[in-house]
Amino acid sequence: KGKFALADGGTIFLDEIGELPLEMQVKLLRVLQEQELERVGGTQTVKVDVRVVAATNQDLSEAVREGKFRADLFYRLNIFPVRMPPLRERLHDIPLLATHFVRQFAERMGKPARRVAPGTLERLAQYQWPGNVRELANVLERAVILCNGAVIHDEHIGSLATSAAAQPATAFPTLEEVERQHLLRALEQTGGVLAGPNGAARLLGLSRSTAWSRMRKLGINPPRS
């Protein structure tokens, strides 16, 4: 059985929903709309009744405008939105989270660390945490490894960017985003023409079929022929 069939009558959690490829978005939409699916290689339609909880750190409204996420799927998922504020908006949670992670990692590794020094906690609270709770957990896991006593100090934390210099994890574009922007610039320069001697494919040194395939994968709307 697949995940949806196993979750029949219960709840399924879909993490990083914004990373779902467009071709998979169509299949998920059918499950949500029709409450039915077909197993891979199967010939029968299976009815499912599943509560869906989906999460993402992306701005799906912007993804819809850019053609990366289907509008119909977005509206289907966005019936009851719940915003989870980033760690930088709830810095008062850091002492509790830090204590939890230190004890968790220390127990797992058999280390003596049990708490974080007050001054070090204050330093953690001044950082903006662009990587959110995962980044905090990674920093404290490294600290537990380096600490041979009961208390985590600054030297175990290492260097943290200052709050003014801290940049969101998404500030540096992914290779996929760079490729997408490159294709869009080529299409803009050729007036939306893909094929032919003056088309974007020729400009990029690609065959028409290759350029078309990359555009579909990156969610770029079909250009003029």
N, C-alpha and C. Protein backbone atom coordinates (compact mmCIF):
# COMPACT_ATOMS: atom_id res chain seq x y z
N LYS A 1 0.83 -1.20 0.00
CA LYS A 1 0.00 0.00 0.00
C LYS A 1 0.87 1.25 0.00
N GLY A 2 0.35 2.30 -0.67
CA GLY A 2 1.03 3.58 -0.66
C GLY A 2 0.67 4.37 0.58
N LYS A 3 1.27 5.54 0.71
CA LYS A 3 1.07 6.35 1.92
C LYS A 3 -0.38 6.79 2.08
N PHE A 4 -1.03 7.18 0.98
CA PHE A 4 -2.42 7.62 1.09
C PHE A 4 -3.35 6.47 1.47
N ALA A 5 -3.10 5.29 0.92
CA ALA A 5 -3.93 4.14 1.26
C ALA A 5 -3.74 3.77 2.73
N LEU A 6 -2.50 3.86 3.22
CA LEU A 6 -2.23 3.56 4.62
C LEU A 6 -2.88 4.58 5.55
N ALA A 7 -3.01 5.84 5.06
CA ALA A 7 -3.58 6.90 5.88
C ALA A 7 -5.10 6.97 5.80
N ASP A 8 -5.72 6.07 5.06
CA ASP A 8 -7.18 6.09 4.90
C ASP A 8 -7.87 6.10 6.27
N GLY A 9 -8.74 7.07 6.47
CA GLY A 9 -9.43 7.21 7.75
C GLY A 9 -8.63 7.99 8.77
N GLY A 10 -7.47 8.47 8.39
CA GLY A 10 -6.61 9.21 9.32
C GLY A 10 -6.02 10.46 8.69
N THR A 11 -4.80 10.79 9.07
CA THR A 11 -4.15 12.02 8.64
C THR A 11 -2.81 11.71 7.99
N ILE A 12 -2.49 12.43 6.92
CA ILE A 12 -1.18 12.32 6.28
C ILE A 12 -0.51 13.69 6.31
N PHE A 13 0.78 13.71 6.62
CA PHE A 13 1.53 14.97 6.67
C PHE A 13 2.48 15.03 5.47
N LEU A 14 2.34 16.05 4.65
CA LEU A 14 3.18 16.24 3.47
C LEU A 14 4.12 17.41 3.72
N ASP A 15 5.39 17.10 3.98
CA ASP A 15 6.37 18.14 4.26
C ASP A 15 6.96 18.66 2.96
N GLU A 16 7.43 19.92 2.99
CA GLU A 16 8.06 20.56 1.82
C GLU A 16 7.19 20.43 0.57
N ILE A 17 5.90 20.74 0.72
CA ILE A 17 4.97 20.60 -0.40
C ILE A 17 5.34 21.51 -1.56
N GLY A 18 6.05 22.61 -1.29
CA GLY A 18 6.45 23.53 -2.34
C GLY A 18 7.48 22.94 -3.29
N GLU A 19 8.13 21.83 -2.90
CA GLU A 19 9.14 21.19 -3.74
C GLU A 19 8.53 20.14 -4.68
N LEU A 20 7.23 19.93 -4.59
CA LEU A 20 6.58 18.89 -5.39
C LEU A 20 6.61 19.25 -6.88
N PRO A 21 7.12 18.37 -7.75
CA PRO A 21 7.16 18.66 -9.20
C PRO A 21 5.74 18.87 -9.75
N LEU A 22 5.65 19.64 -10.80
CA LEU A 22 4.35 19.96 -11.38
C LEU A 22 3.57 18.72 -11.79
N GLU A 23 4.26 17.70 -12.33
CA GLU A 23 3.55 16.51 -12.77
C GLU A 23 2.95 15.74 -11.58
N MET A 24 3.62 15.83 -10.42
CA MET A 24 3.08 15.18 -9.23
C MET A 24 1.96 16.00 -8.60
N GLN A 25 2.00 17.31 -8.82
CA GLN A 25 0.95 18.17 -8.29
C GLN A 25 -0.41 17.80 -8.88
N VAL A 26 -0.41 17.43 -10.15
CA VAL A 26 -1.65 17.03 -10.82
C VAL A 26 -2.24 15.79 -10.15
N LYS A 27 -1.38 14.82 -9.83
CA LYS A 27 -1.84 13.58 -9.21
C LYS A 27 -2.36 13.84 -7.80
N LEU A 28 -1.65 14.69 -7.06
CA LEU A 28 -2.10 15.00 -5.71
C LEU A 28 -3.44 15.72 -5.73
N LEU A 29 -3.61 16.62 -6.68
CA LEU A 29 -4.86 17.36 -6.80
C LEU A 29 -6.03 16.41 -7.02
N ARG A 30 -5.81 15.39 -7.83
CA ARG A 30 -6.89 14.43 -8.09
C ARG A 30 -7.28 13.70 -6.80
N VAL A 31 -6.30 13.31 -6.02
CA VAL A 31 -6.58 12.63 -4.76
C VAL A 31 -7.39 13.54 -3.83
N LEU A 32 -7.02 14.81 -3.78
CA LEU A 32 -7.71 15.75 -2.89
C LEU A 32 -9.12 16.06 -3.39
N GLN A 33 -9.26 16.21 -4.70
CA GLN A 33 -10.55 16.58 -5.27
C GLN A 33 -11.53 15.40 -5.30
N GLU A 34 -11.04 14.28 -5.81
CA GLU A 34 -11.92 13.12 -6.05
C GLU A 34 -11.89 12.10 -4.92
N GLN A 35 -10.90 12.24 -4.02
CA GLN A 35 -10.72 11.28 -2.93
C GLN A 35 -10.59 9.85 -3.46
N GLU A 36 -9.79 9.74 -4.52
CA GLU A 36 -9.54 8.43 -5.10
C GLU A 36 -8.16 8.41 -5.75
N LEU A 37 -7.63 7.21 -5.93
CA LEU A 37 -6.31 7.06 -6.53
C LEU A 37 -6.21 5.71 -7.21
N GLU A 38 -5.18 5.57 -8.02
CA GLU A 38 -4.87 4.29 -8.64
C GLU A 38 -3.43 3.94 -8.28
N ARG A 39 -3.22 2.73 -7.79
CA ARG A 39 -1.88 2.31 -7.43
C ARG A 39 -1.04 2.14 -8.69
N VAL A 40 0.28 2.29 -8.53
CA VAL A 40 1.19 2.10 -9.66
C VAL A 40 1.06 0.67 -10.16
N GLY A 41 0.75 0.54 -11.43
CA GLY A 41 0.57 -0.78 -12.02
C GLY A 41 -0.81 -1.37 -11.80
N GLY A 42 -1.66 -0.67 -11.05
CA GLY A 42 -2.99 -1.18 -10.76
C GLY A 42 -4.00 -0.80 -11.82
N THR A 43 -5.15 -1.43 -11.77
CA THR A 43 -6.22 -1.15 -12.74
C THR A 43 -7.50 -0.71 -12.06
N GLN A 44 -7.54 -0.74 -10.73
CA GLN A 44 -8.75 -0.38 -10.01
C GLN A 44 -8.56 0.94 -9.26
N THR A 45 -9.65 1.70 -9.19
CA THR A 45 -9.64 2.96 -8.45
C THR A 45 -9.90 2.67 -6.97
N VAL A 46 -9.08 3.27 -6.12
CA VAL A 46 -9.18 3.07 -4.67
C VAL A 46 -9.70 4.35 -4.04
N LYS A 47 -10.77 4.27 -3.28
CA LYS A 47 -11.31 5.42 -2.57
C LYS A 47 -10.58 5.60 -1.25
N VAL A 48 -10.24 6.85 -0.93
CA VAL A 48 -9.56 7.13 0.33
C VAL A 48 -10.19 8.36 0.99
N ASP A 49 -10.21 8.35 2.29
CA ASP A 49 -10.71 9.49 3.07
C ASP A 49 -9.59 9.90 4.01
N VAL A 50 -8.85 10.94 3.64
CA VAL A 50 -7.63 11.31 4.36
C VAL A 50 -7.63 12.80 4.68
N ARG A 51 -7.30 13.14 5.93
CA ARG A 51 -7.07 14.53 6.30
C ARG A 51 -5.63 14.87 5.93
N VAL A 52 -5.43 15.97 5.21
CA VAL A 52 -4.10 16.33 4.73
C VAL A 52 -3.58 17.56 5.48
N VAL A 53 -2.38 17.42 6.02
CA VAL A 53 -1.66 18.54 6.61
C VAL A 53 -0.39 18.72 5.78
N ALA A 54 -0.22 19.90 5.18
CA ALA A 54 0.93 20.16 4.32
C ALA A 54 1.74 21.31 4.88
N ALA A 55 3.06 21.26 4.69
CA ALA A 55 3.94 22.30 5.22
C ALA A 55 4.95 22.72 4.16
N THR A 56 5.36 23.98 4.24
CA THR A 56 6.39 24.49 3.33
C THR A 56 7.01 25.73 3.95
N ASN A 57 8.25 26.00 3.58
CA ASN A 57 8.89 27.24 4.00
C ASN A 57 8.91 28.26 2.85
N GLN A 58 8.23 27.91 1.76
CA GLN A 58 8.18 28.80 0.60
C GLN A 58 6.92 29.65 0.62
N ASP A 59 6.95 30.74 -0.15
CA ASP A 59 5.77 31.57 -0.36
C ASP A 59 5.02 30.98 -1.56
N LEU A 60 4.00 30.16 -1.28
CA LEU A 60 3.32 29.48 -2.37
C LEU A 60 2.52 30.43 -3.25
N SER A 61 2.07 31.55 -2.69
CA SER A 61 1.38 32.56 -3.51
C SER A 61 2.31 33.07 -4.60
N GLU A 62 3.57 33.33 -4.23
CA GLU A 62 4.55 33.78 -5.20
C GLU A 62 4.88 32.66 -6.18
N ALA A 63 4.95 31.42 -5.69
CA ALA A 63 5.24 30.28 -6.56
C ALA A 63 4.14 30.10 -7.60
N VAL A 64 2.90 30.38 -7.21
CA VAL A 64 1.77 30.30 -8.15
C VAL A 64 1.94 31.37 -9.23
N ARG A 65 2.29 32.59 -8.83
CA ARG A 65 2.48 33.68 -9.80
C ARG A 65 3.62 33.37 -10.77
N GLU A 66 4.63 32.65 -10.29
CA GLU A 66 5.79 32.34 -11.13
C GLU A 66 5.58 31.06 -11.95
N GLY A 67 4.44 30.41 -11.78
CA GLY A 67 4.16 29.20 -12.55
C GLY A 67 4.84 27.96 -12.00
N LYS A 68 5.36 28.01 -10.77
CA LYS A 68 6.03 26.86 -10.18
C LYS A 68 5.07 25.96 -9.40
N PHE A 69 3.90 26.51 -9.05
CA PHE A 69 2.94 25.73 -8.26
C PHE A 69 1.55 25.98 -8.81
N ARG A 70 0.77 24.92 -8.93
CA ARG A 70 -0.56 25.03 -9.51
C ARG A 70 -1.48 25.83 -8.60
N ALA A 71 -2.21 26.76 -9.19
CA ALA A 71 -3.12 27.59 -8.41
C ALA A 71 -4.24 26.75 -7.81
N ASP A 72 -4.79 25.80 -8.59
CA ASP A 72 -5.91 25.00 -8.07
C ASP A 72 -5.48 24.14 -6.89
N LEU A 73 -4.26 23.62 -6.92
CA LEU A 73 -3.76 22.82 -5.79
C LEU A 73 -3.51 23.72 -4.58
N PHE A 74 -2.99 24.91 -4.83
CA PHE A 74 -2.74 25.85 -3.73
C PHE A 74 -4.03 26.18 -2.99
N TYR A 75 -5.08 26.50 -3.74
CA TYR A 75 -6.35 26.85 -3.10
C TYR A 75 -6.96 25.65 -2.39
N ARG A 76 -6.72 24.45 -2.93
CA ARG A 76 -7.26 23.25 -2.28
C ARG A 76 -6.55 22.97 -0.96
N LEU A 77 -5.26 23.26 -0.90
CA LEU A 77 -4.49 23.02 0.31
C LEU A 77 -4.62 24.14 1.33
N ASN A 78 -4.97 25.33 0.85
CA ASN A 78 -4.94 26.53 1.69
C ASN A 78 -6.27 26.81 2.37
N ILE A 79 -7.07 25.79 2.60
CA ILE A 79 -8.39 25.98 3.21
C ILE A 79 -8.27 26.51 4.62
N PHE A 80 -7.33 25.97 5.39
CA PHE A 80 -7.16 26.42 6.77
C PHE A 80 -5.66 26.62 7.03
N PRO A 81 -5.13 27.77 6.65
CA PRO A 81 -3.69 27.99 6.81
C PRO A 81 -3.30 28.23 8.27
N VAL A 82 -2.18 27.69 8.67
CA VAL A 82 -1.61 27.90 10.00
C VAL A 82 -0.18 28.39 9.81
N ARG A 83 0.11 29.60 10.24
CA ARG A 83 1.45 30.16 10.08
C ARG A 83 2.31 29.82 11.30
N MET A 84 3.45 29.22 11.05
CA MET A 84 4.42 28.94 12.10
C MET A 84 5.49 30.03 12.05
N PRO A 85 5.53 30.91 13.04
CA PRO A 85 6.51 32.01 13.00
C PRO A 85 7.94 31.48 13.04
N PRO A 86 8.85 32.09 12.30
CA PRO A 86 10.25 31.65 12.32
C PRO A 86 10.87 31.91 13.69
N LEU A 87 11.97 31.26 13.94
CA LEU A 87 12.62 31.35 15.25
C LEU A 87 13.01 32.78 15.60
N ARG A 88 13.35 33.59 14.59
CA ARG A 88 13.75 34.97 14.87
C ARG A 88 12.59 35.79 15.43
N GLU A 89 11.35 35.32 15.26
CA GLU A 89 10.20 36.03 15.81
C GLU A 89 9.77 35.47 17.17
N ARG A 90 10.45 34.46 17.65
CA ARG A 90 10.14 33.89 18.96
C ARG A 90 11.43 33.50 19.67
N LEU A 91 12.30 34.50 19.80
CA LEU A 91 13.61 34.28 20.42
C LEU A 91 13.49 33.86 21.88
N HIS A 92 12.34 34.16 22.50
CA HIS A 92 12.14 33.75 23.89
C HIS A 92 12.05 32.23 24.03
N ASP A 93 11.86 31.53 22.92
CA ASP A 93 11.80 30.08 22.96
C ASP A 93 13.19 29.43 22.99
N ILE A 94 14.23 30.22 22.68
CA ILE A 94 15.57 29.64 22.54
C ILE A 94 16.07 28.94 23.80
N PRO A 95 15.90 29.52 25.02
CA PRO A 95 16.39 28.79 26.22
C PRO A 95 15.78 27.40 26.36
N LEU A 96 14.47 27.28 26.14
CA LEU A 96 13.82 25.97 26.26
C LEU A 96 14.30 25.02 25.16
N LEU A 97 14.38 25.52 23.94
CA LEU A 97 14.83 24.68 22.84
C LEU A 97 16.28 24.25 23.03
N ALA A 98 17.11 25.19 23.47
CA ALA A 98 18.53 24.88 23.66
C ALA A 98 18.71 23.80 24.72
N THR A 99 18.00 23.91 25.83
CA THR A 99 18.09 22.90 26.88
C THR A 99 17.63 21.54 26.37
N HIS A 100 16.55 21.55 25.62
CA HIS A 100 16.02 20.30 25.06
C HIS A 100 17.05 19.64 24.14
N PHE A 101 17.62 20.41 23.20
CA PHE A 101 18.55 19.83 22.25
C PHE A 101 19.84 19.35 22.92
N VAL A 102 20.34 20.14 23.88
CA VAL A 102 21.58 19.75 24.56
C VAL A 102 21.39 18.41 25.28
N ARG A 103 20.30 18.27 26.01
CA ARG A 103 20.05 17.03 26.73
C ARG A 103 19.81 15.86 25.79
N GLN A 104 19.10 16.14 24.69
CA GLN A 104 18.82 15.08 23.71
C GLN A 104 20.11 14.57 23.08
N PHE A 105 20.96 15.48 22.62
CA PHE A 105 22.20 15.06 21.95
C PHE A 105 23.18 14.45 22.95
N ALA A 106 23.24 15.00 24.17
CA ALA A 106 24.15 14.46 25.18
C ALA A 106 23.78 13.03 25.54
N GLU A 107 22.49 12.78 25.68
CA GLU A 107 22.04 11.42 26.00
C GLU A 107 22.36 10.45 24.87
N ARG A 108 22.16 10.93 23.64
CA ARG A 108 22.42 10.06 22.50
C ARG A 108 23.91 9.72 22.37
N MET A 109 24.77 10.71 22.68
CA MET A 109 26.21 10.53 22.50
C MET A 109 26.93 10.07 23.77
N GLY A 110 26.21 10.02 24.89
CA GLY A 110 26.86 9.66 26.14
C GLY A 110 27.80 10.74 26.64
N LYS A 111 27.43 12.02 26.41
CA LYS A 111 28.26 13.16 26.83
C LYS A 111 27.67 13.77 28.10
N PRO A 112 28.49 14.53 28.88
CA PRO A 112 28.03 15.07 30.16
C PRO A 112 27.26 16.38 30.06
N ALA A 113 27.24 17.02 28.90
CA ALA A 113 26.59 18.33 28.78
C ALA A 113 25.12 18.28 29.16
N ARG A 114 24.67 19.29 29.93
CA ARG A 114 23.28 19.32 30.38
C ARG A 114 22.62 20.69 30.20
N ARG A 115 23.39 21.75 30.09
CA ARG A 115 22.77 23.07 29.97
C ARG A 115 23.72 24.02 29.24
N VAL A 116 23.20 25.21 28.92
CA VAL A 116 23.97 26.25 28.23
C VAL A 116 24.20 27.41 29.19
N ALA A 117 25.41 27.93 29.23
CA ALA A 117 25.74 29.04 30.11
C ALA A 117 24.87 30.26 29.79
N PRO A 118 24.48 31.05 30.80
CA PRO A 118 23.60 32.21 30.57
C PRO A 118 24.12 33.16 29.51
N GLY A 119 25.42 33.47 29.54
CA GLY A 119 25.99 34.38 28.55
C GLY A 119 25.90 33.82 27.14
N THR A 120 26.08 32.53 27.03
CA THR A 120 25.99 31.87 25.72
C THR A 120 24.55 31.85 25.23
N LEU A 121 23.60 31.65 26.15
CA LEU A 121 22.19 31.72 25.78
C LEU A 121 21.83 33.10 25.24
N GLU A 122 22.36 34.13 25.89
CA GLU A 122 22.08 35.50 25.43
C GLU A 122 22.63 35.72 24.03
N ARG A 123 23.81 35.14 23.79
CA ARG A 123 24.40 35.26 22.45
C ARG A 123 23.54 34.55 21.41
N LEU A 124 23.03 33.38 21.76
CA LEU A 124 22.16 32.65 20.84
C LEU A 124 20.89 33.43 20.55
N ALA A 125 20.39 34.16 21.56
CA ALA A 125 19.15 34.91 21.41
C ALA A 125 19.34 36.16 20.55
N GLN A 126 20.58 36.59 20.32
CA GLN A 126 20.85 37.78 19.51
C GLN A 126 21.04 37.45 18.04
N TYR A 127 21.10 36.16 17.73
CA TYR A 127 21.28 35.72 16.36
C TYR A 127 19.92 35.55 15.70
N GLN A 128 19.83 35.80 14.40
CA GLN A 128 18.55 35.80 13.70
C GLN A 128 18.11 34.43 13.17
N TRP A 129 18.96 33.42 13.20
CA TRP A 129 18.62 32.05 12.82
C TRP A 129 17.92 31.93 11.47
N PRO A 130 18.62 32.25 10.39
CA PRO A 130 18.02 32.10 9.06
C PRO A 130 17.63 30.66 8.75
N GLY A 131 18.30 29.69 9.38
CA GLY A 131 17.97 28.29 9.17
C GLY A 131 16.96 27.74 10.17
N ASN A 132 16.38 28.66 10.97
CA ASN A 132 15.33 28.29 11.93
C ASN A 132 15.80 27.24 12.93
N VAL A 133 14.86 26.42 13.42
CA VAL A 133 15.16 25.49 14.51
C VAL A 133 16.19 24.45 14.09
N ARG A 134 16.19 24.05 12.82
CA ARG A 134 17.17 23.07 12.36
C ARG A 134 18.58 23.60 12.53
N GLU A 135 18.78 24.89 12.24
CA GLU A 135 20.10 25.48 12.39
C GLU A 135 20.52 25.50 13.86
N LEU A 136 19.59 25.87 14.74
CA LEU A 136 19.87 25.86 16.18
C LEU A 136 20.26 24.45 16.63
N ALA A 137 19.54 23.45 16.17
CA ALA A 137 19.84 22.06 16.55
C ALA A 137 21.23 21.66 16.07
N ASN A 138 21.59 22.05 14.85
CA ASN A 138 22.91 21.70 14.31
C ASN A 138 24.03 22.35 15.12
N VAL A 139 23.84 23.62 15.48
CA VAL A 139 24.85 24.34 16.27
C VAL A 139 25.05 23.66 17.62
N LEU A 140 23.95 23.28 18.26
CA LEU A 140 24.05 22.68 19.59
C LEU A 140 24.55 21.23 19.53
N GLU A 141 24.27 20.52 18.46
CA GLU A 141 24.82 19.18 18.32
C GLU A 141 26.34 19.24 18.24
N ARG A 142 26.86 20.19 17.46
CA ARG A 142 28.31 20.37 17.37
C ARG A 142 28.88 20.77 18.73
N ALA A 143 28.15 21.64 19.45
CA ALA A 143 28.62 22.08 20.76
C ALA A 143 28.72 20.93 21.75
N VAL A 144 27.74 20.04 21.72
CA VAL A 144 27.75 18.89 22.62
C VAL A 144 28.94 17.99 22.31
N ILE A 145 29.27 17.83 21.04
CA ILE A 145 30.42 17.02 20.65
C ILE A 145 31.71 17.61 21.22
N LEU A 146 31.82 18.95 21.19
CA LEU A 146 33.05 19.61 21.62
C LEU A 146 33.15 19.77 23.13
N CYS A 147 32.02 19.70 23.82
CA CYS A 147 31.99 19.96 25.26
C CYS A 147 32.28 18.69 26.06
N ASN A 148 33.23 18.80 27.00
CA ASN A 148 33.55 17.67 27.87
C ASN A 148 33.07 17.89 29.29
N GLY A 149 32.34 19.00 29.52
CA GLY A 149 31.79 19.28 30.83
C GLY A 149 30.28 19.31 30.80
N ALA A 150 29.69 19.82 31.88
CA ALA A 150 28.23 19.84 32.00
C ALA A 150 27.60 21.07 31.36
N VAL A 151 28.41 22.12 31.09
CA VAL A 151 27.87 23.39 30.62
C VAL A 151 28.46 23.76 29.26
N ILE A 152 27.58 24.14 28.34
CA ILE A 152 27.99 24.61 27.01
C ILE A 152 28.39 26.08 27.12
N HIS A 153 29.58 26.43 26.62
CA HIS A 153 30.07 27.81 26.64
C HIS A 153 30.29 28.30 25.21
N ASP A 154 30.68 29.59 25.09
CA ASP A 154 30.87 30.20 23.77
C ASP A 154 31.85 29.43 22.90
N GLU A 155 32.94 28.93 23.50
CA GLU A 155 33.95 28.24 22.69
C GLU A 155 33.41 26.96 22.05
N HIS A 156 32.36 26.41 22.64
CA HIS A 156 31.75 25.21 22.05
C HIS A 156 30.79 25.56 20.91
N ILE A 157 30.24 26.77 20.97
CA ILE A 157 29.30 27.21 19.93
C ILE A 157 30.03 27.58 18.65
N GLY A 158 31.20 28.21 18.79
CA GLY A 158 31.93 28.66 17.60
C GLY A 158 31.38 29.97 17.08
N SER A 159 31.68 30.28 15.84
CA SER A 159 31.30 31.58 15.28
C SER A 159 29.86 31.55 14.78
N LEU A 160 29.16 32.63 15.09
CA LEU A 160 27.81 32.86 14.56
C LEU A 160 27.84 34.21 13.86
N ALA A 161 27.15 34.32 12.74
CA ALA A 161 27.06 35.62 12.06
C ALA A 161 26.32 36.59 12.97
N THR A 162 26.69 37.86 12.90
CA THR A 162 25.97 38.86 13.68
C THR A 162 24.58 39.01 13.12
N SER A 163 23.65 39.48 13.92
CA SER A 163 22.26 39.59 13.48
C SER A 163 22.13 40.51 12.29
N ALA A 164 22.99 41.54 12.22
CA ALA A 164 22.90 42.48 11.10
C ALA A 164 23.37 41.83 9.81
N ALA A 165 24.34 40.89 9.94
CA ALA A 165 24.89 40.26 8.74
C ALA A 165 24.17 38.99 8.36
N ALA A 166 23.35 38.50 9.28
CA ALA A 166 22.67 37.23 9.01
C ALA A 166 21.73 37.37 7.83
N GLN A 167 21.85 36.45 6.90
CA GLN A 167 21.02 36.48 5.70
C GLN A 167 20.17 35.23 5.66
N PRO A 168 18.96 35.33 5.08
CA PRO A 168 18.12 34.13 4.95
C PRO A 168 18.84 33.05 4.17
N ALA A 169 18.50 31.79 4.49
CA ALA A 169 19.14 30.66 3.82
C ALA A 169 18.86 30.68 2.32
N THR A 170 17.76 31.34 1.92
CA THR A 170 17.39 31.36 0.51
C THR A 170 18.00 32.54 -0.25
N ALA A 171 18.86 33.36 0.44
CA ALA A 171 19.42 34.53 -0.23
C ALA A 171 20.31 34.11 -1.39
N PHE A 172 21.00 32.97 -1.28
CA PHE A 172 21.85 32.47 -2.35
C PHE A 172 21.00 31.56 -3.23
N PRO A 173 20.84 31.88 -4.51
CA PRO A 173 19.92 31.12 -5.37
C PRO A 173 20.40 29.70 -5.60
N THR A 174 19.46 28.78 -5.73
CA THR A 174 19.78 27.40 -6.06
C THR A 174 20.14 27.30 -7.54
N LEU A 175 20.77 26.19 -7.92
CA LEU A 175 21.12 25.98 -9.32
C LEU A 175 19.87 25.96 -10.20
N GLU A 176 18.80 25.38 -9.65
CA GLU A 176 17.54 25.32 -10.39
C GLU A 176 17.01 26.72 -10.66
N GLU A 177 17.10 27.61 -9.66
CA GLU A 177 16.61 28.97 -9.84
C GLU A 177 17.48 29.73 -10.83
N VAL A 178 18.80 29.51 -10.76
CA VAL A 178 19.71 30.16 -11.72
C VAL A 178 19.37 29.73 -13.14
N GLU A 179 19.14 28.42 -13.33
CA GLU A 179 18.79 27.90 -14.65
C GLU A 179 17.46 28.48 -15.13
N ARG A 180 16.51 28.57 -14.23
CA ARG A 180 15.20 29.10 -14.58
C ARG A 180 15.31 30.56 -15.05
N GLN A 181 16.06 31.37 -14.28
CA GLN A 181 16.22 32.77 -14.64
C GLN A 181 16.97 32.91 -15.97
N HIS A 182 17.93 32.01 -16.21
CA HIS A 182 18.70 32.04 -17.46
C HIS A 182 17.78 31.77 -18.65
N LEU A 183 16.91 30.78 -18.51
CA LEU A 183 15.96 30.47 -19.58
C LEU A 183 14.99 31.62 -19.81
N LEU A 184 14.51 32.22 -18.72
CA LEU A 184 13.57 33.33 -18.86
C LEU A 184 14.21 34.53 -19.55
N ARG A 185 15.49 34.79 -19.24
CA ARG A 185 16.18 35.91 -19.89
C ARG A 185 16.34 35.66 -21.39
N ALA A 186 16.64 34.39 -21.73
CA ALA A 186 16.79 34.05 -23.14
C ALA A 186 15.47 34.23 -23.88
N LEU A 187 14.36 33.78 -23.25
CA LEU A 187 13.05 33.93 -23.87
C LEU A 187 12.67 35.40 -24.00
N GLU A 188 13.03 36.19 -23.01
CA GLU A 188 12.73 37.62 -23.07
C GLU A 188 13.49 38.28 -24.21
N GLN A 189 14.75 37.87 -24.39
CA GLN A 189 15.58 38.46 -25.44
C GLN A 189 15.08 38.09 -26.83
N THR A 190 14.46 36.90 -26.96
CA THR A 190 13.98 36.46 -28.27
C THR A 190 12.48 36.71 -28.45
N GLY A 191 11.91 37.49 -27.55
CA GLY A 191 10.49 37.80 -27.67
C GLY A 191 9.59 36.60 -27.44
N GLY A 192 10.06 35.62 -26.68
CA GLY A 192 9.24 34.44 -26.38
C GLY A 192 9.35 33.34 -27.41
N VAL A 193 10.20 33.50 -28.42
CA VAL A 193 10.36 32.48 -29.46
C VAL A 193 11.37 31.44 -28.99
N LEU A 194 11.00 30.16 -29.04
CA LEU A 194 11.88 29.10 -28.56
C LEU A 194 12.72 28.50 -29.68
N ALA A 195 12.07 28.11 -30.80
CA ALA A 195 12.77 27.40 -31.88
C ALA A 195 13.21 28.36 -32.98
N GLY A 196 13.93 27.80 -33.97
CA GLY A 196 14.35 28.60 -35.10
C GLY A 196 15.71 29.24 -34.90
N PRO A 197 16.24 29.86 -35.95
CA PRO A 197 17.59 30.45 -35.90
C PRO A 197 17.70 31.61 -34.91
N ASN A 198 16.58 32.25 -34.61
CA ASN A 198 16.61 33.37 -33.67
C ASN A 198 15.90 33.05 -32.35
N GLY A 199 15.74 31.76 -32.10
CA GLY A 199 15.02 31.34 -30.91
C GLY A 199 15.90 31.21 -29.67
N ALA A 200 15.26 31.05 -28.53
CA ALA A 200 15.98 30.95 -27.26
C ALA A 200 16.82 29.69 -27.19
N ALA A 201 16.34 28.59 -27.77
CA ALA A 201 17.10 27.33 -27.74
C ALA A 201 18.45 27.50 -28.43
N ARG A 202 18.42 28.15 -29.59
CA ARG A 202 19.67 28.40 -30.35
C ARG A 202 20.58 29.31 -29.53
N LEU A 203 20.01 30.31 -28.89
CA LEU A 203 20.78 31.26 -28.09
C LEU A 203 21.49 30.56 -26.93
N LEU A 204 20.84 29.54 -26.37
CA LEU A 204 21.39 28.82 -25.22
C LEU A 204 22.27 27.64 -25.63
N GLY A 205 22.33 27.37 -26.94
CA GLY A 205 23.13 26.24 -27.40
C GLY A 205 22.48 24.90 -27.12
N LEU A 206 21.12 24.89 -27.09
CA LEU A 206 20.38 23.67 -26.80
C LEU A 206 19.49 23.31 -27.98
N SER A 207 19.13 22.03 -28.06
CA SER A 207 18.12 21.64 -29.04
C SER A 207 16.77 22.11 -28.54
N ARG A 208 15.81 22.21 -29.46
CA ARG A 208 14.47 22.67 -29.07
C ARG A 208 13.86 21.73 -28.03
N SER A 209 14.04 20.41 -28.25
CA SER A 209 13.43 19.43 -27.34
C SER A 209 14.05 19.51 -25.94
N THR A 210 15.37 19.72 -25.88
CA THR A 210 16.03 19.83 -24.58
C THR A 210 15.58 21.08 -23.84
N ALA A 211 15.54 22.21 -24.56
CA ALA A 211 15.09 23.46 -23.94
C ALA A 211 13.64 23.33 -23.47
N TRP A 212 12.82 22.70 -24.28
CA TRP A 212 11.40 22.52 -23.93
C TRP A 212 11.27 21.65 -22.68
N SER A 213 12.08 20.58 -22.61
CA SER A 213 12.04 19.68 -21.46
C SER A 213 12.45 20.41 -20.18
N ARG A 214 13.51 21.22 -20.27
CA ARG A 214 13.97 21.96 -19.09
C ARG A 214 12.92 22.97 -18.64
N MET A 215 12.26 23.60 -19.59
CA MET A 215 11.23 24.58 -19.25
C MET A 215 10.07 23.93 -18.53
N ARG A 216 9.64 22.77 -18.99
CA ARG A 216 8.54 22.06 -18.34
C ARG A 216 8.91 21.68 -16.91
N LYS A 217 10.15 21.20 -16.73
CA LYS A 217 10.60 20.79 -15.40
C LYS A 217 10.65 21.98 -14.46
N LEU A 218 11.03 23.15 -14.98
CA LEU A 218 11.18 24.34 -14.16
C LEU A 218 9.88 25.15 -14.04
N GLY A 219 8.81 24.67 -14.66
CA GLY A 219 7.53 25.33 -14.52
C GLY A 219 7.37 26.61 -15.31
N ILE A 220 8.11 26.72 -16.42
CA ILE A 220 8.02 27.92 -17.27
C ILE A 220 6.92 27.71 -18.30
N ASN A 221 6.04 28.66 -18.43
CA ASN A 221 4.90 28.55 -19.34
C ASN A 221 5.38 28.42 -20.78
N PRO A 222 4.64 27.68 -21.62
CA PRO A 222 5.04 27.47 -23.02
C PRO A 222 5.18 28.80 -23.75
N PRO A 223 6.26 28.95 -24.52
CA PRO A 223 6.47 30.17 -25.30
C PRO A 223 5.80 30.06 -26.67
N ARG A 224 5.94 31.11 -27.44
CA ARG A 224 5.47 31.05 -28.83
C ARG A 224 6.42 30.18 -29.64
N SER A 225 5.89 29.46 -30.61
CA SER A 225 6.75 28.60 -31.45
C SER A 225 7.49 29.46 -32.45
